[in-house]
């Protein structure tokens, strides 16, 4: 009787968190799904229109363009930072740390992480100055070294706007995997590296056979969290290009925002954000299943 009362008593500690999750996540999500089946402009009561918004969504070229741009964001925020982060973390831990000491490696790790703690609006203002077509720093450097023909309107030209944002996102994102991977490498037994060196393994052999194999769980975490961040990226696009020029840099979250607040098409904006939520949940489930299978395969070995 006492043990049963004690078990039920724990639920009271969970109640504040459950109420917050309900108020901040569950209720807004349910309302968003409901609005996706309505015509609603934010003033008069919403009108139920069934699947009309969803039919419009699947034939909306702008929506599919935004998802194609999301693939570029995944390259910039997941693929490039993860691969570069693996190499940089391994070099800092296995080479720089051994030759110059742990303090030097920690200092370099902190410098890579600085873009993560800079407010994105501040970073966007700085990048905007650097990429200005007339007197921007980057074009001025190109002119100084005699590469006048390479000067571009980096954020105003549809050809160059998306690649420019991708470079900015790589710079912003690179510190996160470096910090996570270096923390993971700290739990690797140093004798593994010493034994590999005695066997004649060079840095690449140690990186492939020890580093990647041991920190595989952290690689899964970084890839999953960065993929979710890439799919719902909003602030850099809003601050730098607002989806333009044209639709060259538009992404689903910004498209949803513009439908919500600029065109006051609340029902259609809710449809875009609901579709984005479904994609994020599906991608997360695929990653979790893949991680579980990889762990099971590792246990069998």
C-alpha atoms as a PDB file:
ATOM      1  CA  UNK A   1       0.000   0.000   0.000  1.00  0.00           C
ATOM      2  CA  UNK A   2       2.824   2.366   1.004  1.00  0.00           C
ATOM      3  CA  UNK A   3       4.926   1.437  -2.068  1.00  0.00           C
ATOM      4  CA  UNK A   4       1.918   2.010  -4.363  1.00  0.00           C
ATOM      5  CA  UNK A   5       1.321   5.421  -2.769  1.00  0.00           C
ATOM      6  CA  UNK A   6       5.027   6.264  -3.175  1.00  0.00           C
ATOM      7  CA  UNK A   7       4.972   5.353  -6.881  1.00  0.00           C
ATOM      8  CA  UNK A   8       1.911   7.512  -7.551  1.00  0.00           C
ATOM      9  CA  UNK A   9       3.540  10.337  -5.584  1.00  0.00           C
ATOM     10  CA  UNK A  10       6.278  10.682  -8.238  1.00  0.00           C
ATOM     11  CA  UNK A  11       3.707  11.805 -10.796  1.00  0.00           C
ATOM     12  CA  UNK A  12       3.242  15.095  -8.946  1.00  0.00           C
ATOM     13  CA  UNK A  13       6.869  15.976  -9.735  1.00  0.00           C
ATOM     14  CA  UNK A  14       6.223  15.368 -13.435  1.00  0.00           C
ATOM     15  CA  UNK A  15       3.044  17.438 -13.495  1.00  0.00           C
ATOM     16  CA  UNK A  16       4.655  20.923 -14.030  1.00  0.00           C
ATOM     17  CA  UNK A  17       6.710  19.625 -16.959  1.00  0.00           C
ATOM     18  CA  UNK A  18       3.723  17.841 -18.491  1.00  0.00           C
ATOM     19  CA  UNK A  19       1.619  21.017 -18.212  1.00  0.00           C
ATOM     20  CA  UNK A  20       4.358  23.090 -19.867  1.00  0.00           C
ATOM     21  CA  UNK A  21       4.776  20.556 -22.716  1.00  0.00           C
ATOM     22  CA  UNK A  22       1.019  20.525 -23.208  1.00  0.00           C
ATOM     23  CA  UNK A  23       0.787  24.329 -23.273  1.00  0.00           C
ATOM     24  CA  UNK A  24       3.898  24.988 -25.412  1.00  0.00           C
ATOM     25  CA  UNK A  25       3.990  21.953 -27.734  1.00  0.00           C
ATOM     26  CA  UNK A  26       0.843  19.813 -27.787  1.00  0.00           C
ATOM     27  CA  UNK A  27      -1.840  22.534 -27.945  1.00  0.00           C
ATOM     28  CA  UNK A  28      -0.055  24.701 -30.603  1.00  0.00           C
ATOM     29  CA  UNK A  29       0.661  21.570 -32.680  1.00  0.00           C
ATOM     30  CA  UNK A  30      -2.981  20.472 -32.518  1.00  0.00           C
ATOM     31  CA  UNK A  31      -4.148  23.995 -33.460  1.00  0.00           C
ATOM     32  CA  UNK A  32      -1.655  24.102 -36.335  1.00  0.00           C
ATOM     33  CA  UNK A  33      -2.953  20.794 -37.705  1.00  0.00           C
ATOM     34  CA  UNK A  34      -6.539  22.032 -37.365  1.00  0.00           C
ATOM     35  CA  UNK A  35      -5.793  25.315 -39.191  1.00  0.00           C
ATOM     36  CA  UNK A  36      -4.226  23.343 -42.053  1.00  0.00           C
ATOM     37  CA  UNK A  37      -7.738  22.145 -42.913  1.00  0.00           C
ATOM     38  CA  UNK A  38      -9.261  25.635 -42.805  1.00  0.00           C
ATOM     39  CA  UNK A  39      -9.336  28.940 -44.650  1.00  0.00           C
ATOM     40  CA  UNK A  40      -8.244  31.420 -42.020  1.00  0.00           C
ATOM     41  CA  UNK A  41      -6.843  34.935 -42.350  1.00  0.00           C
ATOM     42  CA  UNK A  42      -6.481  35.615 -38.633  1.00  0.00           C
ATOM     43  CA  UNK A  43      -9.504  37.902 -38.205  1.00  0.00           C
ATOM     44  CA  UNK A  44     -12.771  36.142 -38.969  1.00  0.00           C
ATOM     45  CA  UNK A  45     -13.352  32.628 -37.594  1.00  0.00           C
ATOM     46  CA  UNK A  46     -11.630  29.840 -39.601  1.00  0.00           C
ATOM     47  CA  UNK A  47     -13.741  28.067 -42.237  1.00  0.00           C
ATOM     48  CA  UNK A  48     -13.373  24.292 -42.656  1.00  0.00           C
ATOM     49  CA  UNK A  49     -12.271  23.472 -46.255  1.00  0.00           C
ATOM     50  CA  UNK A  50     -11.073  19.890 -45.836  1.00  0.00           C
ATOM     51  CA  UNK A  51      -8.042  18.903 -47.920  1.00  0.00           C
ATOM     52  CA  UNK A  52      -8.018  21.991 -50.141  1.00  0.00           C
ATOM     53  CA  UNK A  53      -4.839  23.447 -48.605  1.00  0.00           C
ATOM     54  CA  UNK A  54      -3.067  20.086 -48.907  1.00  0.00           C
ATOM     55  CA  UNK A  55      -4.066  19.705 -52.570  1.00  0.00           C
ATOM     56  CA  UNK A  56      -2.709  23.204 -53.207  1.00  0.00           C
ATOM     57  CA  UNK A  57       0.485  22.333 -51.345  1.00  0.00           C
ATOM     58  CA  UNK A  58       1.335  19.292 -53.469  1.00  0.00           C
ATOM     59  CA  UNK A  59       0.968  21.331 -56.686  1.00  0.00           C
ATOM     60  CA  UNK A  60       2.799  24.406 -55.335  1.00  0.00           C
ATOM     61  CA  UNK A  61       6.117  24.808 -57.189  1.00  0.00           C
ATOM     62  CA  UNK A  62       7.327  27.331 -54.603  1.00  0.00           C
ATOM     63  CA  UNK A  63       6.860  24.752 -51.827  1.00  0.00           C
ATOM     64  CA  UNK A  64       8.935  22.134 -53.668  1.00  0.00           C
ATOM     65  CA  UNK A  65      11.592  24.742 -54.433  1.00  0.00           C
ATOM     66  CA  UNK A  66      11.818  25.461 -50.713  1.00  0.00           C
ATOM     67  CA  UNK A  67      12.379  21.755 -49.999  1.00  0.00           C
ATOM     68  CA  UNK A  68      15.039  21.523 -52.712  1.00  0.00           C
ATOM     69  CA  UNK A  69      16.799  24.430 -50.997  1.00  0.00           C
ATOM     70  CA  UNK A  70      16.517  22.455 -47.739  1.00  0.00           C
ATOM     71  CA  UNK A  71      18.754  19.799 -49.298  1.00  0.00           C
ATOM     72  CA  UNK A  72      21.383  22.504 -49.840  1.00  0.00           C
ATOM     73  CA  UNK A  73      20.933  23.502 -46.187  1.00  0.00           C
ATOM     74  CA  UNK A  74      21.510  19.872 -45.130  1.00  0.00           C
ATOM     75  CA  UNK A  75      24.742  19.831 -47.128  1.00  0.00           C
ATOM     76  CA  UNK A  76      25.823  23.091 -45.459  1.00  0.00           C
ATOM     77  CA  UNK A  77      24.687  22.299 -41.905  1.00  0.00           C
ATOM     78  CA  UNK A  78      25.121  18.508 -41.704  1.00  0.00           C
ATOM     79  CA  UNK A  79      27.391  16.945 -44.319  1.00  0.00           C
ATOM     80  CA  UNK A  80      30.174  19.537 -44.490  1.00  0.00           C
ATOM     81  CA  UNK A  81      30.337  20.395 -40.740  1.00  0.00           C
ATOM     82  CA  UNK A  82      30.231  16.718 -39.697  1.00  0.00           C
ATOM     83  CA  UNK A  83      33.015  15.650 -42.056  1.00  0.00           C
ATOM     84  CA  UNK A  84      35.141  18.728 -41.332  1.00  0.00           C
ATOM     85  CA  UNK A  85      34.360  18.466 -37.608  1.00  0.00           C
ATOM     86  CA  UNK A  86      35.553  14.859 -37.518  1.00  0.00           C
ATOM     87  CA  UNK A  87      38.856  15.733 -39.171  1.00  0.00           C
ATOM     88  CA  UNK A  88      39.417  18.930 -37.143  1.00  0.00           C
ATOM     89  CA  UNK A  89      38.554  17.261 -33.811  1.00  0.00           C
ATOM     90  CA  UNK A  90      40.830  14.337 -34.585  1.00  0.00           C
ATOM     91  CA  UNK A  91      43.713  16.631 -35.599  1.00  0.00           C
ATOM     92  CA  UNK A  92      43.268  18.788 -32.471  1.00  0.00           C
ATOM     93  CA  UNK A  93      43.081  15.757 -30.186  1.00  0.00           C
ATOM     94  CA  UNK A  94      45.604  13.406 -31.800  1.00  0.00           C
ATOM     95  CA  UNK A  95      48.199  15.827 -33.215  1.00  0.00           C
ATOM     96  CA  UNK A  96      47.877  19.363 -31.801  1.00  0.00           C
ATOM     97  CA  UNK A  97      47.114  18.196 -28.250  1.00  0.00           C
ATOM     98  CA  UNK A  98      50.125  15.881 -28.170  1.00  0.00           C
ATOM     99  CA  UNK A  99      52.618  18.332 -29.685  1.00  0.00           C
ATOM    100  CA  UNK A 100      51.511  21.652 -28.187  1.00  0.00           C
ATOM    101  CA  UNK A 101      49.525  20.603 -25.111  1.00  0.00           C
ATOM    102  CA  UNK A 102      45.888  20.390 -24.134  1.00  0.00           C
ATOM    103  CA  UNK A 103      45.525  24.143 -23.528  1.00  0.00           C
ATOM    104  CA  UNK A 104      46.392  24.974 -27.134  1.00  0.00           C
ATOM    105  CA  UNK A 105      43.909  22.359 -28.403  1.00  0.00           C
ATOM    106  CA  UNK A 106      41.199  23.708 -26.063  1.00  0.00           C
ATOM    107  CA  UNK A 107      41.866  27.298 -27.208  1.00  0.00           C
ATOM    108  CA  UNK A 108      41.545  26.296 -30.882  1.00  0.00           C
ATOM    109  CA  UNK A 109      38.370  24.344 -30.081  1.00  0.00           C
ATOM    110  CA  UNK A 110      36.885  27.453 -28.453  1.00  0.00           C
ATOM    111  CA  UNK A 111      37.709  29.586 -31.509  1.00  0.00           C
ATOM    112  CA  UNK A 112      35.779  27.173 -33.724  1.00  0.00           C
ATOM    113  CA  UNK A 113      32.790  27.432 -31.364  1.00  0.00           C
ATOM    114  CA  UNK A 114      32.638  31.266 -31.294  1.00  0.00           C
ATOM    115  CA  UNK A 115      30.254  31.542 -34.313  1.00  0.00           C
ATOM    116  CA  UNK A 116      27.772  29.351 -32.399  1.00  0.00           C
ATOM    117  CA  UNK A 117      27.436  31.879 -29.571  1.00  0.00           C
ATOM    118  CA  UNK A 118      27.230  34.994 -31.766  1.00  0.00           C
ATOM    119  CA  UNK A 119      23.591  36.117 -32.197  1.00  0.00           C
ATOM    120  CA  UNK A 120      22.550  35.235 -35.729  1.00  0.00           C
ATOM    121  CA  UNK A 121      21.295  38.777 -36.398  1.00  0.00           C
ATOM    122  CA  UNK A 122      24.705  40.211 -35.470  1.00  0.00           C
ATOM    123  CA  UNK A 123      26.443  37.632 -37.648  1.00  0.00           C
ATOM    124  CA  UNK A 124      24.053  38.427 -40.513  1.00  0.00           C
ATOM    125  CA  UNK A 125      24.812  42.151 -40.287  1.00  0.00           C
ATOM    126  CA  UNK A 126      28.551  41.446 -40.419  1.00  0.00           C
ATOM    127  CA  UNK A 127      28.164  39.007 -43.322  1.00  0.00           C
ATOM    128  CA  UNK A 128      25.966  41.564 -45.098  1.00  0.00           C
ATOM    129  CA  UNK A 129      28.772  44.151 -44.838  1.00  0.00           C
ATOM    130  CA  UNK A 130      31.351  41.656 -46.065  1.00  0.00           C
ATOM    131  CA  UNK A 131      29.215  40.529 -49.033  1.00  0.00           C
ATOM    132  CA  UNK A 132      27.986  43.965 -50.195  1.00  0.00           C
ATOM    133  CA  UNK A 133      28.360  44.263 -53.995  1.00  0.00           C
ATOM    134  CA  UNK A 134      29.817  47.793 -54.173  1.00  0.00           C
ATOM    135  CA  UNK A 135      32.078  48.301 -51.158  1.00  0.00           C
ATOM    136  CA  UNK A 136      31.925  44.957 -49.380  1.00  0.00           C
ATOM    137  CA  UNK A 137      35.097  43.597 -47.812  1.00  0.00           C
ATOM    138  CA  UNK A 138      35.190  40.442 -49.947  1.00  0.00           C
ATOM    139  CA  UNK A 139      34.849  42.255 -53.262  1.00  0.00           C
ATOM    140  CA  UNK A 140      37.427  44.812 -52.106  1.00  0.00           C
ATOM    141  CA  UNK A 141      39.917  42.020 -51.379  1.00  0.00           C
ATOM    142  CA  UNK A 142      39.270  40.499 -54.813  1.00  0.00           C
ATOM    143  CA  UNK A 143      39.896  43.890 -56.434  1.00  0.00           C
ATOM    144  CA  UNK A 144      43.089  44.389 -54.407  1.00  0.00           C
ATOM    145  CA  UNK A 145      44.577  41.090 -55.613  1.00  0.00           C
ATOM    146  CA  UNK A 146      43.588  41.782 -59.221  1.00  0.00           C
ATOM    147  CA  UNK A 147      40.545  39.510 -59.424  1.00  0.00           C
ATOM    148  CA  UNK A 148      38.051  42.198 -60.406  1.00  0.00           C
ATOM    149  CA  UNK A 149      36.196  39.814 -62.714  1.00  0.00           C
ATOM    150  CA  UNK A 150      35.449  37.498 -59.761  1.00  0.00           C
ATOM    151  CA  UNK A 151      33.492  40.214 -57.954  1.00  0.00           C
ATOM    152  CA  UNK A 152      29.821  39.335 -57.541  1.00  0.00           C
ATOM    153  CA  UNK A 153      26.617  40.511 -55.928  1.00  0.00           C
ATOM    154  CA  UNK A 154      26.929  37.611 -53.487  1.00  0.00           C
ATOM    155  CA  UNK A 155      23.531  37.905 -51.803  1.00  0.00           C
ATOM    156  CA  UNK A 156      21.607  39.698 -54.569  1.00  0.00           C
ATOM    157  CA  UNK A 157      22.376  37.386 -57.487  1.00  0.00           C
ATOM    158  CA  UNK A 158      20.146  34.259 -57.713  1.00  0.00           C
ATOM    159  CA  UNK A 159      23.180  32.248 -58.845  1.00  0.00           C
ATOM    160  CA  UNK A 160      25.343  33.157 -55.860  1.00  0.00           C
ATOM    161  CA  UNK A 161      22.856  33.817 -53.024  1.00  0.00           C
ATOM    162  CA  UNK A 162      22.304  30.177 -52.006  1.00  0.00           C
ATOM    163  CA  UNK A 163      26.019  29.173 -52.146  1.00  0.00           C
ATOM    164  CA  UNK A 164      26.865  32.275 -50.091  1.00  0.00           C
ATOM    165  CA  UNK A 165      24.339  31.334 -47.405  1.00  0.00           C
ATOM    166  CA  UNK A 166      25.695  27.767 -47.434  1.00  0.00           C
ATOM    167  CA  UNK A 167      29.227  29.048 -46.742  1.00  0.00           C
ATOM    168  CA  UNK A 168      27.909  31.204 -43.880  1.00  0.00           C
ATOM    169  CA  UNK A 169      26.057  28.229 -42.377  1.00  0.00           C
ATOM    170  CA  UNK A 170      29.162  26.014 -42.570  1.00  0.00           C
ATOM    171  CA  UNK A 171      31.096  28.729 -40.694  1.00  0.00           C
ATOM    172  CA  UNK A 172      28.352  29.018 -38.064  1.00  0.00           C
ATOM    173  CA  UNK A 173      27.814  25.268 -37.652  1.00  0.00           C
ATOM    174  CA  UNK A 174      31.369  23.894 -37.664  1.00  0.00           C
ATOM    175  CA  UNK A 175      32.019  24.524 -33.949  1.00  0.00           C
ATOM    176  CA  UNK A 176      29.203  22.269 -32.733  1.00  0.00           C
ATOM    177  CA  UNK A 177      30.545  18.938 -34.110  1.00  0.00           C
ATOM    178  CA  UNK A 178      34.114  19.901 -33.174  1.00  0.00           C
ATOM    179  CA  UNK A 179      33.140  20.376 -29.510  1.00  0.00           C
ATOM    180  CA  UNK A 180      31.006  17.203 -29.385  1.00  0.00           C
ATOM    181  CA  UNK A 181      33.614  15.034 -31.119  1.00  0.00           C
ATOM    182  CA  UNK A 182      36.481  16.311 -28.951  1.00  0.00           C
ATOM    183  CA  UNK A 183      34.441  15.574 -25.815  1.00  0.00           C
ATOM    184  CA  UNK A 184      33.794  12.076 -27.182  1.00  0.00           C
ATOM    185  CA  UNK A 185      37.478  11.544 -27.975  1.00  0.00           C
ATOM    186  CA  UNK A 186      38.357  12.316 -24.344  1.00  0.00           C
ATOM    187  CA  UNK A 187      36.880   8.933 -23.328  1.00  0.00           C
ATOM    188  CA  UNK A 188      38.961   6.970 -25.865  1.00  0.00           C
ATOM    189  CA  UNK A 189      41.674   4.906 -24.206  1.00  0.00           C
ATOM    190  CA  UNK A 190      45.061   6.534 -25.149  1.00  0.00           C
ATOM    191  CA  UNK A 191      46.618   3.063 -25.204  1.00  0.00           C
ATOM    192  CA  UNK A 192      44.633   2.330 -28.357  1.00  0.00           C
ATOM    193  CA  UNK A 193      46.430   5.155 -30.185  1.00  0.00           C
ATOM    194  CA  UNK A 194      49.802   4.179 -28.682  1.00  0.00           C
ATOM    195  CA  UNK A 195      49.342   0.559 -29.722  1.00  0.00           C
ATOM    196  CA  UNK A 196      48.348   1.645 -33.230  1.00  0.00           C
ATOM    197  CA  UNK A 197      51.427   3.913 -33.487  1.00  0.00           C
ATOM    198  CA  UNK A 198      53.684   1.041 -32.380  1.00  0.00           C
ATOM    199  CA  UNK A 199      52.144  -1.071 -35.134  1.00  0.00           C
ATOM    200  CA  UNK A 200      53.093   1.615 -37.663  1.00  0.00           C
ATOM    201  CA  UNK A 201      49.623   3.148 -38.166  1.00  0.00           C
ATOM    202  CA  UNK A 202      49.710   6.714 -39.465  1.00  0.00           C
ATOM    203  CA  UNK A 203      47.202   9.450 -38.593  1.00  0.00           C
ATOM    204  CA  UNK A 204      44.712   8.415 -41.291  1.00  0.00           C
ATOM    205  CA  UNK A 205      44.764   4.761 -40.182  1.00  0.00           C
ATOM    206  CA  UNK A 206      44.172   5.787 -36.532  1.00  0.00           C
ATOM    207  CA  UNK A 207      41.408   8.180 -37.580  1.00  0.00           C
ATOM    208  CA  UNK A 208      39.564   5.545 -39.596  1.00  0.00           C
ATOM    209  CA  UNK A 209      40.041   2.526 -37.305  1.00  0.00           C
ATOM    210  CA  UNK A 210      39.826   4.130 -33.844  1.00  0.00           C
ATOM    211  CA  UNK A 211      38.361   7.632 -33.920  1.00  0.00           C
ATOM    212  CA  UNK A 212      35.369   7.015 -36.184  1.00  0.00           C
ATOM    213  CA  UNK A 213      34.635   3.582 -34.704  1.00  0.00           C
ATOM    214  CA  UNK A 214      34.672   4.701 -31.062  1.00  0.00           C
ATOM    215  CA  UNK A 215      32.670   7.935 -31.374  1.00  0.00           C
ATOM    216  CA  UNK A 216      30.008   6.542 -33.714  1.00  0.00           C
ATOM    217  CA  UNK A 217      27.154   7.254 -31.198  1.00  0.00           C
ATOM    218  CA  UNK A 218      28.163  10.930 -31.052  1.00  0.00           C
ATOM    219  CA  UNK A 219      28.285  11.057 -34.859  1.00  0.00           C
ATOM    220  CA  UNK A 220      24.670   9.840 -34.952  1.00  0.00           C
ATOM    221  CA  UNK A 221      23.636  12.512 -32.438  1.00  0.00           C
ATOM    222  CA  UNK A 222      25.373  15.302 -34.356  1.00  0.00           C
ATOM    223  CA  UNK A 223      23.938  14.193 -37.706  1.00  0.00           C
ATOM    224  CA  UNK A 224      20.401  13.906 -36.298  1.00  0.00           C
ATOM    225  CA  UNK A 225      20.366  17.236 -34.441  1.00  0.00           C
ATOM    226  CA  UNK A 226      22.023  19.092 -37.331  1.00  0.00           C
ATOM    227  CA  UNK A 227      19.572  17.584 -39.846  1.00  0.00           C
ATOM    228  CA  UNK A 228      16.623  18.777 -37.775  1.00  0.00           C
ATOM    229  CA  UNK A 229      18.233  22.230 -37.494  1.00  0.00           C
ATOM    230  CA  UNK A 230      18.805  22.326 -41.269  1.00  0.00           C
ATOM    231  CA  UNK A 231      15.212  21.372 -42.086  1.00  0.00           C
ATOM    232  CA  UNK A 232      13.792  24.126 -39.876  1.00  0.00           C
ATOM    233  CA  UNK A 233      16.457  26.783 -40.503  1.00  0.00           C
ATOM    234  CA  UNK A 234      14.915  30.250 -40.550  1.00  0.00           C
ATOM    235  CA  UNK A 235      16.973  33.047 -38.970  1.00  0.00           C
ATOM    236  CA  UNK A 236      19.929  33.183 -41.436  1.00  0.00           C
ATOM    237  CA  UNK A 237      17.574  33.224 -44.431  1.00  0.00           C
ATOM    238  CA  UNK A 238      15.353  35.873 -42.827  1.00  0.00           C
ATOM    239  CA  UNK A 239      18.276  38.069 -41.834  1.00  0.00           C
ATOM    240  CA  UNK A 240      20.329  37.799 -45.041  1.00  0.00           C
ATOM    241  CA  UNK A 241      18.020  37.382 -48.056  1.00  0.00           C
ATOM    242  CA  UNK A 242      14.379  36.915 -46.899  1.00  0.00           C
ATOM    243  CA  UNK A 243      14.112  34.002 -49.303  1.00  0.00           C
ATOM    244  CA  UNK A 244      15.244  35.973 -52.335  1.00  0.00           C
ATOM    245  CA  UNK A 245      16.217  37.013 -54.833  1.00  0.00           C
ATOM    246  CA  UNK A 246      13.064  35.428 -56.248  1.00  0.00           C
ATOM    247  CA  UNK A 247      12.803  32.041 -54.586  1.00  0.00           C
ATOM    248  CA  UNK A 248      16.497  31.196 -54.831  1.00  0.00           C
ATOM    249  CA  UNK A 249      17.027  30.913 -51.041  1.00  0.00           C
ATOM    250  CA  UNK A 250      13.529  30.238 -49.756  1.00  0.00           C
ATOM    251  CA  UNK A 251      13.150  27.376 -47.244  1.00  0.00           C
ATOM    252  CA  UNK A 252       9.952  25.784 -45.826  1.00  0.00           C
ATOM    253  CA  UNK A 253      10.071  27.594 -42.465  1.00  0.00           C
ATOM    254  CA  UNK A 254      10.469  31.011 -44.127  1.00  0.00           C
ATOM    255  CA  UNK A 255       7.774  30.164 -46.695  1.00  0.00           C
ATOM    256  CA  UNK A 256       5.423  29.235 -43.841  1.00  0.00           C
ATOM    257  CA  UNK A 257       6.300  32.488 -42.025  1.00  0.00           C
ATOM    258  CA  UNK A 258       5.633  34.602 -45.130  1.00  0.00           C
ATOM    259  CA  UNK A 259       2.237  32.929 -45.652  1.00  0.00           C
ATOM    260  CA  UNK A 260       1.356  33.392 -41.971  1.00  0.00           C
ATOM    261  CA  UNK A 261       2.401  36.981 -41.358  1.00  0.00           C
ATOM    262  CA  UNK A 262       2.991  38.688 -44.709  1.00  0.00           C
ATOM    263  CA  UNK A 263       0.132  37.300 -46.822  1.00  0.00           C
ATOM    264  CA  UNK A 264      -2.087  36.463 -43.783  1.00  0.00           C
ATOM    265  CA  UNK A 265      -2.867  33.053 -45.292  1.00  0.00           C
ATOM    266  CA  UNK A 266      -2.855  31.391 -41.878  1.00  0.00           C
ATOM    267  CA  UNK A 267      -4.470  28.150 -43.072  1.00  0.00           C
ATOM    268  CA  UNK A 268      -1.964  27.615 -45.873  1.00  0.00           C
ATOM    269  CA  UNK A 269       0.962  28.643 -43.674  1.00  0.00           C
ATOM    270  CA  UNK A 270      -0.191  26.063 -41.113  1.00  0.00           C
ATOM    271  CA  UNK A 271      -0.263  23.440 -43.890  1.00  0.00           C
ATOM    272  CA  UNK A 272       3.371  24.166 -44.815  1.00  0.00           C
ATOM    273  CA  UNK A 273       4.553  24.015 -41.204  1.00  0.00           C
ATOM    274  CA  UNK A 274       2.567  20.808 -40.575  1.00  0.00           C
ATOM    275  CA  UNK A 275       4.164  19.185 -43.635  1.00  0.00           C
ATOM    276  CA  UNK A 276       7.584  20.297 -42.350  1.00  0.00           C
ATOM    277  CA  UNK A 277       6.814  18.762 -38.939  1.00  0.00           C
ATOM    278  CA  UNK A 278       5.858  15.450 -40.571  1.00  0.00           C
ATOM    279  CA  UNK A 279       9.129  15.402 -42.544  1.00  0.00           C
ATOM    280  CA  UNK A 280      11.199  16.157 -39.406  1.00  0.00           C
ATOM    281  CA  UNK A 281       9.450  13.407 -37.406  1.00  0.00           C
ATOM    282  CA  UNK A 282       9.928  10.904 -40.263  1.00  0.00           C
ATOM    283  CA  UNK A 283      13.624  11.767 -40.638  1.00  0.00           C
ATOM    284  CA  UNK A 284      14.144  11.485 -36.859  1.00  0.00           C
ATOM    285  CA  UNK A 285      12.514   8.039 -36.774  1.00  0.00           C
ATOM    286  CA  UNK A 286      14.689   6.828 -39.671  1.00  0.00           C
ATOM    287  CA  UNK A 287      17.820   8.056 -37.863  1.00  0.00           C
ATOM    288  CA  UNK A 288      16.809   6.399 -34.580  1.00  0.00           C
ATOM    289  CA  UNK A 289      16.097   3.071 -36.305  1.00  0.00           C
ATOM    290  CA  UNK A 290      19.429   3.259 -38.151  1.00  0.00           C
ATOM    291  CA  UNK A 291      21.260   4.020 -34.884  1.00  0.00           C
ATOM    292  CA  UNK A 292      19.543   1.113 -33.103  1.00  0.00           C
ATOM    293  CA  UNK A 293      20.502  -1.303 -35.893  1.00  0.00           C
ATOM    294  CA  UNK A 294      24.093  -0.044 -35.905  1.00  0.00           C
ATOM    295  CA  UNK A 295      24.330  -0.583 -32.124  1.00  0.00           C
ATOM    296  CA  UNK A 296      22.874  -4.087 -32.434  1.00  0.00           C
ATOM    297  CA  UNK A 297      25.343  -4.930 -35.207  1.00  0.00           C
ATOM    298  CA  UNK A 298      28.178  -3.625 -33.008  1.00  0.00           C
ATOM    299  CA  UNK A 299      27.023  -5.818 -30.087  1.00  0.00           C
ATOM    300  CA  UNK A 300      26.967  -8.904 -32.331  1.00  0.00           C
ATOM    301  CA  UNK A 301      30.623  -8.287 -33.262  1.00  0.00           C
END
